Structure formats: structure tokens, C-alpha cells
N, C-alpha and C. Protein backbone atom coordinates (compact mmCIF):
# COMPACT_ATOMS: atom_id res chain seq x y z
N UNK A 1 0.71 -1.26 0.38
CA UNK A 1 -0.26 0.35 -0.16
C UNK A 1 0.70 1.09 -0.02
N UNK A 2 0.35 2.15 -0.73
CA UNK A 2 1.44 3.48 -0.76
C UNK A 2 0.63 4.39 -0.08
N UNK A 3 1.61 5.43 0.58
CA UNK A 3 1.19 6.72 0.93
C UNK A 3 1.61 7.69 0.54
N UNK A 4 0.62 8.53 0.34
CA UNK A 4 0.63 10.24 -0.60
C UNK A 4 0.58 11.31 0.40
N UNK A 5 1.70 11.87 0.62
CA UNK A 5 1.86 13.30 1.35
C UNK A 5 1.84 14.80 0.51
N UNK A 6 1.54 15.62 0.68
CA UNK A 6 1.07 16.64 0.01
C UNK A 6 2.78 17.05 0.32
N UNK A 7 3.22 17.58 -1.04
CA UNK A 7 4.49 18.15 -1.00
C UNK A 7 4.49 19.29 -0.92
N UNK A 8 3.69 20.10 -0.53
CA UNK A 8 3.83 21.62 -0.31
C UNK A 8 3.78 21.42 1.25
N UNK A 9 2.79 20.91 2.44
CA UNK A 9 2.99 20.86 3.51
C UNK A 9 3.26 19.92 4.40
N UNK A 10 3.44 18.80 3.34
CA UNK A 10 3.86 17.38 4.04
C UNK A 10 2.70 16.61 4.66
N UNK A 11 1.33 16.85 4.84
CA UNK A 11 0.35 16.47 4.97
C UNK A 11 -0.32 15.17 4.45
N UNK A 12 -0.32 14.13 5.57
CA UNK A 12 -0.66 12.63 4.60
C UNK A 12 -2.34 13.02 4.04
N UNK A 13 -2.36 12.28 2.75
CA UNK A 13 -3.50 12.59 2.02
C UNK A 13 -4.63 11.63 1.54
N UNK A 14 -3.47 10.20 1.22
CA UNK A 14 -4.03 9.18 1.02
C UNK A 14 -3.20 7.78 1.08
N UNK A 15 -3.73 6.61 1.63
CA UNK A 15 -3.14 5.34 2.05
C UNK A 15 -3.85 4.74 0.71
N UNK A 16 -2.96 3.45 0.06
CA UNK A 16 -3.82 2.75 -0.80
C UNK A 16 -3.68 2.52 -2.02
N UNK A 17 -4.00 1.49 -3.30
CA UNK A 17 -3.03 1.18 -4.60
C UNK A 17 -4.48 1.87 -5.26
N UNK A 18 -3.67 2.37 -6.46
CA UNK A 18 -4.28 3.14 -7.41
C UNK A 18 -3.63 3.39 -8.74
N UNK A 19 -4.17 3.78 -9.84
CA UNK A 19 -3.79 4.10 -11.05
C UNK A 19 -3.34 5.42 -11.36
N UNK A 20 -4.86 6.28 -10.61
CA UNK A 20 -4.54 7.84 -10.89
C UNK A 20 -5.68 8.24 -9.80
N UNK A 21 -5.17 9.57 -9.27
CA UNK A 21 -6.13 9.84 -7.95
C UNK A 21 -6.06 11.60 -8.03
N UNK A 22 -7.01 12.20 -7.85
CA UNK A 22 -6.65 13.70 -7.64
C UNK A 22 -7.58 14.14 -6.17
N UNK A 23 -6.79 14.75 -5.55
CA UNK A 23 -6.93 15.00 -4.04
C UNK A 23 -6.81 16.53 -3.81
N UNK A 24 -7.67 17.18 -3.10
CA UNK A 24 -7.16 18.06 -2.71
C UNK A 24 -7.01 18.34 -1.13
N UNK A 25 -5.73 18.87 -0.85
CA UNK A 25 -4.93 18.91 0.74
C UNK A 25 -6.07 19.88 1.36
N UNK A 26 -6.60 19.37 2.37
CA UNK A 26 -7.21 20.24 3.34
C UNK A 26 -6.42 20.98 4.06
N UNK A 27 -5.10 20.99 4.24
CA UNK A 27 -4.51 21.98 4.84
C UNK A 27 -4.12 23.38 4.32
N UNK A 28 -3.32 22.66 2.94
CA UNK A 28 -3.01 24.14 2.21
C UNK A 28 -3.85 24.23 0.79
N UNK A 29 -5.05 23.81 0.37
CA UNK A 29 -5.71 23.81 -0.23
C UNK A 29 -5.40 23.40 -2.02
N UNK A 30 -4.23 23.00 -1.81
CA UNK A 30 -3.61 22.87 -3.17
C UNK A 30 -4.50 21.47 -3.85
N UNK A 31 -4.91 21.24 -5.21
CA UNK A 31 -4.88 20.13 -5.72
C UNK A 31 -3.78 19.45 -6.29
N UNK A 32 -4.15 17.94 -6.14
CA UNK A 32 -2.68 17.34 -6.80
C UNK A 32 -3.44 16.21 -7.20
N UNK A 33 -2.80 15.92 -8.62
CA UNK A 33 -3.06 15.07 -9.33
C UNK A 33 -1.76 13.82 -9.64
N UNK A 34 -2.29 12.59 -8.81
CA UNK A 34 -1.12 11.82 -9.07
C UNK A 34 -1.51 10.47 -9.88
N UNK A 35 -0.70 9.89 -10.63
CA UNK A 35 -1.16 8.87 -11.66
C UNK A 35 0.26 8.10 -11.65
N UNK A 36 -0.43 6.73 -12.28
CA UNK A 36 0.66 5.74 -12.18
C UNK A 36 1.21 5.17 -10.96
N UNK A 37 0.85 5.13 -10.01
CA UNK A 37 1.65 4.61 -8.35
C UNK A 37 1.62 3.10 -8.63
N UNK A 38 0.86 2.32 -9.22
CA UNK A 38 1.58 0.78 -9.38
C UNK A 38 2.60 0.62 -10.11
N UNK A 39 2.86 1.55 -11.42
CA UNK A 39 4.08 1.62 -11.92
C UNK A 39 5.34 2.34 -11.40
N UNK A 40 4.88 3.40 -10.48
CA UNK A 40 6.38 3.79 -10.27
C UNK A 40 6.29 4.10 -8.56
N UNK A 41 5.73 3.40 -8.07
CA UNK A 41 5.81 3.84 -6.54
C UNK A 41 6.97 4.23 -5.97
N UNK A 42 8.13 3.82 -5.94
CA UNK A 42 9.11 4.40 -5.50
C UNK A 42 9.53 6.40 -5.75
N UNK A 43 9.23 6.27 -6.93
CA UNK A 43 9.39 7.71 -7.31
C UNK A 43 8.60 8.56 -7.13
N UNK A 44 7.50 8.15 -6.40
CA UNK A 44 6.35 8.88 -5.51
C UNK A 44 7.39 9.51 -4.11
N UNK A 45 7.65 8.32 -3.56
CA UNK A 45 7.99 8.65 -2.06
C UNK A 45 9.25 9.09 -2.40
N UNK A 46 10.34 9.08 -3.34
CA UNK A 46 11.39 9.68 -3.04
C UNK A 46 11.85 11.03 -3.37
N UNK A 47 10.47 11.62 -4.05
CA UNK A 47 10.55 12.63 -4.91
C UNK A 47 11.48 12.76 -6.39
N UNK A 48 11.69 11.77 -6.93
CA UNK A 48 12.30 12.23 -8.29
C UNK A 48 11.56 12.04 -9.46
N UNK A 49 10.26 12.26 -9.32
CA UNK A 49 9.48 12.39 -10.25
C UNK A 49 9.01 13.73 -10.63
N UNK A 50 9.04 14.54 -11.74
CA UNK A 50 9.11 15.93 -12.64
C UNK A 50 7.84 16.13 -11.84
N UNK A 51 7.90 17.35 -11.19
CA UNK A 51 6.54 18.07 -10.47
C UNK A 51 6.37 19.06 -11.77
N UNK A 52 5.36 19.29 -12.42
CA UNK A 52 4.89 20.10 -13.38
C UNK A 52 3.57 20.53 -12.84
N UNK A 53 3.44 21.66 -12.51
CA UNK A 53 2.63 22.97 -11.96
C UNK A 53 2.04 23.02 -13.10
N UNK A 54 0.60 23.16 -13.41
CA UNK A 54 -0.18 23.88 -14.60
C UNK A 54 -1.23 24.91 -14.13
N UNK A 55 -1.31 25.04 -12.72
CA UNK A 55 -1.55 26.28 -12.21
C UNK A 55 -1.12 26.67 -11.03
N UNK A 56 -1.52 27.52 -10.32
CA UNK A 56 -0.76 27.86 -8.87
C UNK A 56 -1.26 26.71 -8.17
N UNK A 57 -2.50 26.03 -8.27
CA UNK A 57 -3.27 25.08 -7.12
C UNK A 57 -3.11 23.78 -7.69
N UNK A 58 -2.64 23.41 -8.76
CA UNK A 58 -2.61 22.07 -9.08
C UNK A 58 -1.22 21.45 -9.60
N UNK A 59 -0.58 20.34 -8.84
CA UNK A 59 0.44 19.85 -8.82
C UNK A 59 0.33 18.46 -9.68
N UNK A 60 1.04 18.31 -10.30
CA UNK A 60 1.25 16.78 -10.79
C UNK A 60 2.36 16.17 -10.56
N UNK A 61 2.26 14.43 -10.10
CA UNK A 61 3.30 13.83 -9.57
C UNK A 61 3.32 12.92 -10.62
């Protein structure tokens, strides 16, 4: 099972296995889109994926 934290404020957002999920962080109010956790779980945890910001409130992992 994977755990996902907000990269802006580090709050735990999600635990589980998934292909794609969009979450709004309740602490900092940013929207976070996370894709392909089954294929690249270590990249999500170690921060090696490229962070792409499409707007001020959306982060893609």
C-alpha cells in the first residue's frame, strides 16, 4: 500500500493502491493529481518524479 503526502505541507493525503487520483489537500488547499502509482511507487516516495505545475493550485506527480 502506498502513502501519499502533500509536497507543499507534508500532510498525509491518501493510503492505498491506485492508477490515478486527484486530491485536494485540506491543509494548504492545493489540488494534487497523482498518476501510475502501481508502475512507479518509489518515485512518488523519494521525490524523483518531475513536478509539473499547470496552475498555482494544481500539482502533478
